[in-house]
PDB file of N, CA and C in Angstrom:
ATOM      1  N   UNK A   1      15.605  10.607   5.138  1.00  0.00           N
ATOM      2  CA  UNK A   1      16.508  11.026   6.178  1.00  0.00           C
ATOM      3  C   UNK A   1      16.621  10.032   7.313  1.00  0.00           C
ATOM      4  N   UNK A   2      15.869   8.934   7.277  1.00  0.00           N
ATOM      5  CA  UNK A   2      15.925   7.963   8.366  1.00  0.00           C
ATOM      6  C   UNK A   2      16.925   6.848   8.109  1.00  0.00           C
ATOM      7  N   UNK A   3      17.378   6.709   6.857  1.00  0.00           N
ATOM      8  CA  UNK A   3      18.276   5.621   6.501  1.00  0.00           C
ATOM      9  C   UNK A   3      19.574   6.213   5.964  1.00  0.00           C
ATOM     10  N   UNK A   4      20.691   5.633   6.360  1.00  0.00           N
ATOM     11  CA  UNK A   4      22.011   6.050   5.931  1.00  0.00           C
ATOM     12  C   UNK A   4      22.611   4.913   5.119  1.00  0.00           C
ATOM     13  N   UNK A   5      23.496   5.217   4.200  1.00  0.00           N
ATOM     14  CA  UNK A   5      24.131   4.182   3.386  1.00  0.00           C
ATOM     15  C   UNK A   5      25.636   4.191   3.621  1.00  0.00           C
ATOM     16  N   UNK A   6      26.205   3.007   3.697  1.00  0.00           N
ATOM     17  CA  UNK A   6      27.636   2.812   3.867  1.00  0.00           C
ATOM     18  C   UNK A   6      28.106   1.966   2.701  1.00  0.00           C
ATOM     19  N   UNK A   7      29.200   2.324   2.081  1.00  0.00           N
ATOM     20  CA  UNK A   7      29.768   1.530   0.990  1.00  0.00           C
ATOM     21  C   UNK A   7      30.871   0.647   1.556  1.00  0.00           C
ATOM     22  N   UNK A   8      30.768  -0.654   1.299  1.00  0.00           N
ATOM     23  CA  UNK A   8      31.795  -1.578   1.769  1.00  0.00           C
ATOM     24  C   UNK A   8      33.012  -1.485   0.857  1.00  0.00           C
ATOM     25  N   UNK A   9      34.102  -2.119   1.230  1.00  0.00           N
ATOM     26  CA  UNK A   9      35.315  -2.098   0.411  1.00  0.00           C
ATOM     27  C   UNK A   9      35.090  -2.775  -0.937  1.00  0.00           C
ATOM     28  N   UNK A  10      34.068  -3.626  -1.038  1.00  0.00           N
ATOM     29  CA  UNK A  10      33.723  -4.278  -2.304  1.00  0.00           C
ATOM     30  C   UNK A  10      32.777  -3.431  -3.148  1.00  0.00           C
ATOM     31  N   UNK A  11      32.366  -2.257  -2.642  1.00  0.00           N
ATOM     32  CA  UNK A  11      31.462  -1.384  -3.364  1.00  0.00           C
ATOM     33  C   UNK A  11      29.991  -1.657  -3.106  1.00  0.00           C
ATOM     34  N   UNK A  12      29.704  -2.615  -2.219  1.00  0.00           N
ATOM     35  CA  UNK A  12      28.318  -2.948  -1.890  1.00  0.00           C
ATOM     36  C   UNK A  12      27.719  -1.848  -1.022  1.00  0.00           C
ATOM     37  N   UNK A  13      26.449  -1.530  -1.250  1.00  0.00           N
ATOM     38  CA  UNK A  13      25.736  -0.555  -0.431  1.00  0.00           C
ATOM     39  C   UNK A  13      25.085  -1.282   0.732  1.00  0.00           C
ATOM     40  N   UNK A  14      25.397  -0.849   1.948  1.00  0.00           N
ATOM     41  CA  UNK A  14      24.815  -1.412   3.161  1.00  0.00           C
ATOM     42  C   UNK A  14      24.019  -0.292   3.810  1.00  0.00           C
ATOM     43  N   UNK A  15      22.764  -0.558   4.114  1.00  0.00           N
ATOM     44  CA  UNK A  15      21.886   0.473   4.664  1.00  0.00           C
ATOM     45  C   UNK A  15      21.707   0.278   6.159  1.00  0.00           C
ATOM     46  N   UNK A  16      21.590   1.380   6.869  1.00  0.00           N
ATOM     47  CA  UNK A  16      21.340   1.324   8.307  1.00  0.00           C
ATOM     48  C   UNK A  16      20.382   2.439   8.676  1.00  0.00           C
ATOM     49  N   UNK A  17      19.589   2.153   9.667  1.00  0.00           N
ATOM     50  CA  UNK A  17      18.628   3.148  10.169  1.00  0.00           C
ATOM     51  C   UNK A  17      19.304   3.956  11.269  1.00  0.00           C
ATOM     52  N   UNK A  18      19.253   5.259  11.148  1.00  0.00           N
ATOM     53  CA  UNK A  18      19.850   6.138  12.143  1.00  0.00           C
ATOM     54  C   UNK A  18      18.768   6.608  13.098  1.00  0.00           C
ATOM     55  N   UNK A  19      19.093   6.601  14.383  1.00  0.00           N
ATOM     56  CA  UNK A  19      18.110   7.033  15.376  1.00  0.00           C
ATOM     57  C   UNK A  19      18.053   8.548  15.486  1.00  0.00           C
ATOM     58  N   UNK A  20      19.108   9.200  15.042  1.00  0.00           N
ATOM     59  CA  UNK A  20      19.154  10.660  15.129  1.00  0.00           C
ATOM     60  C   UNK A  20      19.008  11.270  13.747  1.00  0.00           C
ATOM     61  N   UNK A  21      18.143  12.269  13.642  1.00  0.00           N
ATOM     62  CA  UNK A  21      18.019  13.007  12.394  1.00  0.00           C
ATOM     63  C   UNK A  21      19.050  14.117  12.291  1.00  0.00           C
ATOM     64  N   UNK A  22      19.792  14.306  13.366  1.00  0.00           N
ATOM     65  CA  UNK A  22      20.832  15.336  13.409  1.00  0.00           C
ATOM     66  C   UNK A  22      22.118  14.818  12.768  1.00  0.00           C
ATOM     67  N   UNK A  23      22.985  15.742  12.380  1.00  0.00           N
ATOM     68  CA  UNK A  23      24.278  15.371  11.807  1.00  0.00           C
ATOM     69  C   UNK A  23      25.093  14.604  12.848  1.00  0.00           C
ATOM     70  N   UNK A  24      25.642  13.480  12.453  1.00  0.00           N
ATOM     71  CA  UNK A  24      26.464  12.665  13.353  1.00  0.00           C
ATOM     72  C   UNK A  24      27.395  11.796  12.515  1.00  0.00           C
ATOM     73  N   UNK A  25      28.244  11.059  13.190  1.00  0.00           N
ATOM     74  CA  UNK A  25      29.198  10.162  12.549  1.00  0.00           C
ATOM     75  C   UNK A  25      28.995   8.764  13.114  1.00  0.00           C
ATOM     76  N   UNK A  26      29.706   7.785  12.573  1.00  0.00           N
ATOM     77  CA  UNK A  26      29.522   6.395  13.007  1.00  0.00           C
ATOM     78  C   UNK A  26      30.846   5.732  13.370  1.00  0.00           C
ATOM     79  N   UNK A  27      30.783   4.931  14.418  1.00  0.00           N
ATOM     80  CA  UNK A  27      31.857   4.034  14.822  1.00  0.00           C
ATOM     81  C   UNK A  27      31.358   2.645  14.440  1.00  0.00           C
ATOM     82  N   UNK A  28      32.074   1.960  13.539  1.00  0.00           N
ATOM     83  CA  UNK A  28      31.586   0.720  12.932  1.00  0.00           C
ATOM     84  C   UNK A  28      32.525  -0.440  13.229  1.00  0.00           C
ATOM     85  N   UNK A  29      31.959  -1.573  13.678  1.00  0.00           N
ATOM     86  CA  UNK A  29      32.758  -2.773  13.930  1.00  0.00           C
ATOM     87  C   UNK A  29      33.051  -3.475  12.603  1.00  0.00           C
ATOM     88  N   UNK A  30      34.319  -3.761  12.366  1.00  0.00           N
ATOM     89  CA  UNK A  30      34.730  -4.453  11.142  1.00  0.00           C
ATOM     90  C   UNK A  30      34.269  -5.913  11.125  1.00  0.00           C
ATOM     91  N   UNK A  31      34.006  -6.486  12.286  1.00  0.00           N
ATOM     92  CA  UNK A  31      33.664  -7.905  12.374  1.00  0.00           C
ATOM     93  C   UNK A  31      32.159  -8.122  12.222  1.00  0.00           C
ATOM     94  N   UNK A  32      31.365  -7.500  13.086  1.00  0.00           N
ATOM     95  CA  UNK A  32      29.916  -7.762  13.079  1.00  0.00           C
ATOM     96  C   UNK A  32      29.095  -6.682  12.388  1.00  0.00           C
ATOM     97  N   UNK A  33      29.700  -5.520  12.117  1.00  0.00           N
ATOM     98  CA  UNK A  33      28.984  -4.447  11.440  1.00  0.00           C
ATOM     99  C   UNK A  33      28.190  -3.533  12.344  1.00  0.00           C
ATOM    100  N   UNK A  34      28.223  -3.791  13.656  1.00  0.00           N
ATOM    101  CA  UNK A  34      27.511  -2.925  14.603  1.00  0.00           C
ATOM    102  C   UNK A  34      27.980  -1.487  14.414  1.00  0.00           C
ATOM    103  N   UNK A  35      27.025  -0.541  14.377  1.00  0.00           N
ATOM    104  CA  UNK A  35      27.360   0.871  14.217  1.00  0.00           C
ATOM    105  C   UNK A  35      26.828   1.661  15.400  1.00  0.00           C
ATOM    106  N   UNK A  36      27.650   2.534  15.920  1.00  0.00           N
ATOM    107  CA  UNK A  36      27.291   3.403  17.026  1.00  0.00           C
ATOM    108  C   UNK A  36      27.336   4.836  16.507  1.00  0.00           C
ATOM    109  N   UNK A  37      26.279   5.596  16.764  1.00  0.00           N
ATOM    110  CA  UNK A  37      26.246   6.995  16.360  1.00  0.00           C
ATOM    111  C   UNK A  37      27.046   7.825  17.356  1.00  0.00           C
ATOM    112  N   UNK A  38      27.964   8.655  16.849  1.00  0.00           N
ATOM    113  CA  UNK A  38      28.806   9.485  17.711  1.00  0.00           C
ATOM    114  C   UNK A  38      28.850  10.907  17.168  1.00  0.00           C
ATOM    115  N   UNK A  39      29.071  11.845  18.058  1.00  0.00           N
ATOM    116  CA  UNK A  39      29.266  13.236  17.665  1.00  0.00           C
ATOM    117  C   UNK A  39      30.759  13.506  17.579  1.00  0.00           C
ATOM    118  N   UNK A  40      31.135  14.501  16.805  1.00  0.00           N
ATOM    119  CA  UNK A  40      32.552  14.821  16.644  1.00  0.00           C
ATOM    120  C   UNK A  40      32.782  16.312  16.519  1.00  0.00           C
ATOM    121  N   UNK A  41      32.655  17.053  17.625  1.00  0.00           N
ATOM    122  CA  UNK A  41      32.822  18.506  17.530  1.00  0.00           C
ATOM    123  C   UNK A  41      34.180  18.928  16.963  1.00  0.00           C
ATOM    124  N   UNK A  42      35.237  18.194  17.268  1.00  0.00           N
ATOM    125  CA  UNK A  42      36.556  18.539  16.723  1.00  0.00           C
ATOM    126  C   UNK A  42      36.582  18.346  15.210  1.00  0.00           C
ATOM    127  N   UNK A  43      35.899  17.313  14.726  1.00  0.00           N
ATOM    128  CA  UNK A  43      35.814  17.066  13.281  1.00  0.00           C
ATOM    129  C   UNK A  43      35.054  18.200  12.607  1.00  0.00           C
ATOM    130  N   UNK A  44      33.977  18.652  13.238  1.00  0.00           N
ATOM    131  CA  UNK A  44      33.173  19.733  12.669  1.00  0.00           C
ATOM    132  C   UNK A  44      34.014  21.002  12.516  1.00  0.00           C
ATOM    133  N   UNK A  45      34.768  21.349  13.547  1.00  0.00           N
ATOM    134  CA  UNK A  45      35.615  22.549  13.502  1.00  0.00           C
ATOM    135  C   UNK A  45      36.692  22.409  12.432  1.00  0.00           C
ATOM    136  N   UNK A  46      37.297  21.219  12.358  1.00  0.00           N
ATOM    137  CA  UNK A  46      38.331  20.969  11.368  1.00  0.00           C
ATOM    138  C   UNK A  46      37.775  21.102   9.949  1.00  0.00           C
ATOM    139  N   UNK A  47      36.615  20.503   9.674  1.00  0.00           N
ATOM    140  CA  UNK A  47      36.009  20.554   8.345  1.00  0.00           C
ATOM    141  C   UNK A  47      35.684  22.002   7.958  1.00  0.00           C
ATOM    142  N   UNK A  48      35.151  22.759   8.892  1.00  0.00           N
ATOM    143  CA  UNK A  48      34.842  24.163   8.620  1.00  0.00           C
ATOM    144  C   UNK A  48      36.104  24.964   8.319  1.00  0.00           C
ATOM    145  N   UNK A  49      37.167  24.723   9.094  1.00  0.00           N
ATOM    146  CA  UNK A  49      38.420  25.451   8.897  1.00  0.00           C
ATOM    147  C   UNK A  49      39.060  25.107   7.554  1.00  0.00           C
ATOM    148  N   UNK A  50      39.088  23.836   7.193  1.00  0.00           N
ATOM    149  CA  UNK A  50      39.676  23.413   5.911  1.00  0.00           C
ATOM    150  C   UNK A  50      38.882  24.013   4.756  1.00  0.00           C
ATOM    151  N   UNK A  51      37.556  23.970   4.844  1.00  0.00           N
ATOM    152  CA  UNK A  51      36.715  24.532   3.788  1.00  0.00           C
ATOM    153  C   UNK A  51      36.974  26.030   3.632  1.00  0.00           C
ATOM    154  N   UNK A  52      36.996  26.753   4.748  1.00  0.00           N
ATOM    155  CA  UNK A  52      37.214  28.193   4.702  1.00  0.00           C
ATOM    156  C   UNK A  52      38.598  28.528   4.144  1.00  0.00           C
ATOM    157  N   UNK A  53      39.586  27.750   4.536  1.00  0.00           N
ATOM    158  CA  UNK A  53      40.961  27.968   4.073  1.00  0.00           C
ATOM    159  C   UNK A  53      41.053  27.896   2.550  1.00  0.00           C
ATOM    160  N   UNK A  54      40.221  27.069   1.951  1.00  0.00           N
ATOM    161  CA  UNK A  54      40.257  26.885   0.499  1.00  0.00           C
ATOM    162  C   UNK A  54      39.120  27.605  -0.220  1.00  0.00           C
ATOM    163  N   UNK A  55      38.351  28.401   0.525  1.00  0.00           N
ATOM    164  CA  UNK A  55      37.294  29.198  -0.068  1.00  0.00           C
ATOM    165  C   UNK A  55      36.036  28.425  -0.432  1.00  0.00           C
ATOM    166  N   UNK A  56      35.833  27.281   0.185  1.00  0.00           N
ATOM    167  CA  UNK A  56      34.641  26.478  -0.096  1.00  0.00           C
ATOM    168  C   UNK A  56      33.490  26.896   0.810  1.00  0.00           C
ATOM    169  N   UNK A  57      32.282  26.795   0.284  1.00  0.00           N
ATOM    170  CA  UNK A  57      31.074  27.054   1.055  1.00  0.00           C
ATOM    171  C   UNK A  57      30.104  25.901   0.837  1.00  0.00           C
ATOM    172  N   UNK A  58      29.051  25.840   1.657  1.00  0.00           N
ATOM    173  CA  UNK A  58      28.044  24.776   1.559  1.00  0.00           C
ATOM    174  C   UNK A  58      28.682  23.391   1.587  1.00  0.00           C
ATOM    175  N   UNK A  59      29.581  23.195   2.514  1.00  0.00           N
ATOM    176  CA  UNK A  59      30.351  21.956   2.617  1.00  0.00           C
ATOM    177  C   UNK A  59      29.613  20.929   3.471  1.00  0.00           C
ATOM    178  N   UNK A  60      29.657  19.679   3.044  1.00  0.00           N
ATOM    179  CA  UNK A  60      29.120  18.559   3.821  1.00  0.00           C
ATOM    180  C   UNK A  60      30.214  17.505   3.943  1.00  0.00           C
ATOM    181  N   UNK A  61      30.081  16.630   4.927  1.00  0.00           N
ATOM    182  CA  UNK A  61      31.076  15.575   5.094  1.00  0.00           C
ATOM    183  C   UNK A  61      30.453  14.392   5.823  1.00  0.00           C
ATOM    184  N   UNK A  62      31.130  13.263   5.710  1.00  0.00           N
ATOM    185  CA  UNK A  62      30.772  12.071   6.480  1.00  0.00           C
ATOM    186  C   UNK A  62      32.048  11.511   7.083  1.00  0.00           C
ATOM    187  N   UNK A  63      31.926  10.943   8.270  1.00  0.00           N
ATOM    188  CA  UNK A  63      33.072  10.321   8.928  1.00  0.00           C
ATOM    189  C   UNK A  63      32.647   8.947   9.412  1.00  0.00           C
ATOM    190  N   UNK A  64      33.409   7.938   9.033  1.00  0.00           N
ATOM    191  CA  UNK A  64      33.194   6.563   9.488  1.00  0.00           C
ATOM    192  C   UNK A  64      34.487   6.135  10.183  1.00  0.00           C
ATOM    193  N   UNK A  65      34.372   5.711  11.424  1.00  0.00           N
ATOM    194  CA  UNK A  65      35.533   5.222  12.179  1.00  0.00           C
ATOM    195  C   UNK A  65      35.356   3.726  12.325  1.00  0.00           C
ATOM    196  N   UNK A  66      36.339   2.953  11.869  1.00  0.00           N
ATOM    197  CA  UNK A  66      36.248   1.494  11.891  1.00  0.00           C
ATOM    198  C   UNK A  66      37.167   0.902  12.945  1.00  0.00           C
ATOM    199  N   UNK A  67      36.675  -0.125  13.610  1.00  0.00           N
ATOM    200  CA  UNK A  67      37.446  -0.832  14.617  1.00  0.00           C
ATOM    201  C   UNK A  67      36.756  -2.145  14.930  1.00  0.00           C
ATOM    202  N   UNK A  68      37.077  -2.732  16.062  1.00  0.00           N
ATOM    203  CA  UNK A  68      36.452  -3.962  16.512  1.00  0.00           C
ATOM    204  C   UNK A  68      35.752  -3.690  17.839  1.00  0.00           C
ATOM    205  N   UNK A  69      34.444  -3.994  17.892  1.00  0.00           N
ATOM    206  CA  UNK A  69      33.675  -3.706  19.101  1.00  0.00           C
ATOM    207  C   UNK A  69      34.125  -4.604  20.257  1.00  0.00           C
ATOM    208  N   UNK A  70      33.707  -4.254  21.466  1.00  0.00           N
ATOM    209  CA  UNK A  70      34.108  -4.981  22.660  1.00  0.00           C
ATOM    210  C   UNK A  70      33.671  -6.442  22.617  1.00  0.00           C
ATOM    211  N   UNK A  71      32.442  -6.703  22.121  1.00  0.00           N
ATOM    212  CA  UNK A  71      31.945  -8.068  22.066  1.00  0.00           C
ATOM    213  C   UNK A  71      32.781  -8.934  21.129  1.00  0.00           C
ATOM    214  N   UNK A  72      33.117  -8.393  19.949  1.00  0.00           N
ATOM    215  CA  UNK A  72      33.890  -9.172  18.981  1.00  0.00           C
ATOM    216  C   UNK A  72      35.344  -9.344  19.398  1.00  0.00           C
ATOM    217  N   UNK A  73      35.892  -8.345  20.087  1.00  0.00           N
ATOM    218  CA  UNK A  73      37.298  -8.454  20.495  1.00  0.00           C
ATOM    219  C   UNK A  73      37.479  -9.359  21.718  1.00  0.00           C
ATOM    220  N   UNK A  74      36.382  -9.626  22.445  1.00  0.00           N
ATOM    221  CA  UNK A  74      36.455 -10.489  23.622  1.00  0.00           C
ATOM    222  C   UNK A  74      36.506 -11.964  23.271  1.00  0.00           C
ATOM    223  N   UNK A  75      36.014 -12.313  22.111  1.00  0.00           N
ATOM    224  CA  UNK A  75      35.910 -13.730  21.813  1.00  0.00           C
ATOM    225  C   UNK A  75      36.710 -14.134  20.671  1.00  0.00           C
TER     226      UNK A  75
END
């Protein structure tokens, strides 16, 4: 539970250590790979509503948001 895996567009597995053992999502820089742990209460509500609408239970999800971090976009 201390390590998370991210699949790159090439299918490579990239591992990262998460500081939180709680459910969270990641904001990932496309340039340097820096990942920031973020919470997403709106995403949680949306996932629960979609699952319930279709009669699903015991649902899990992951969310990765990709962009360019401030350091990489500055230079």
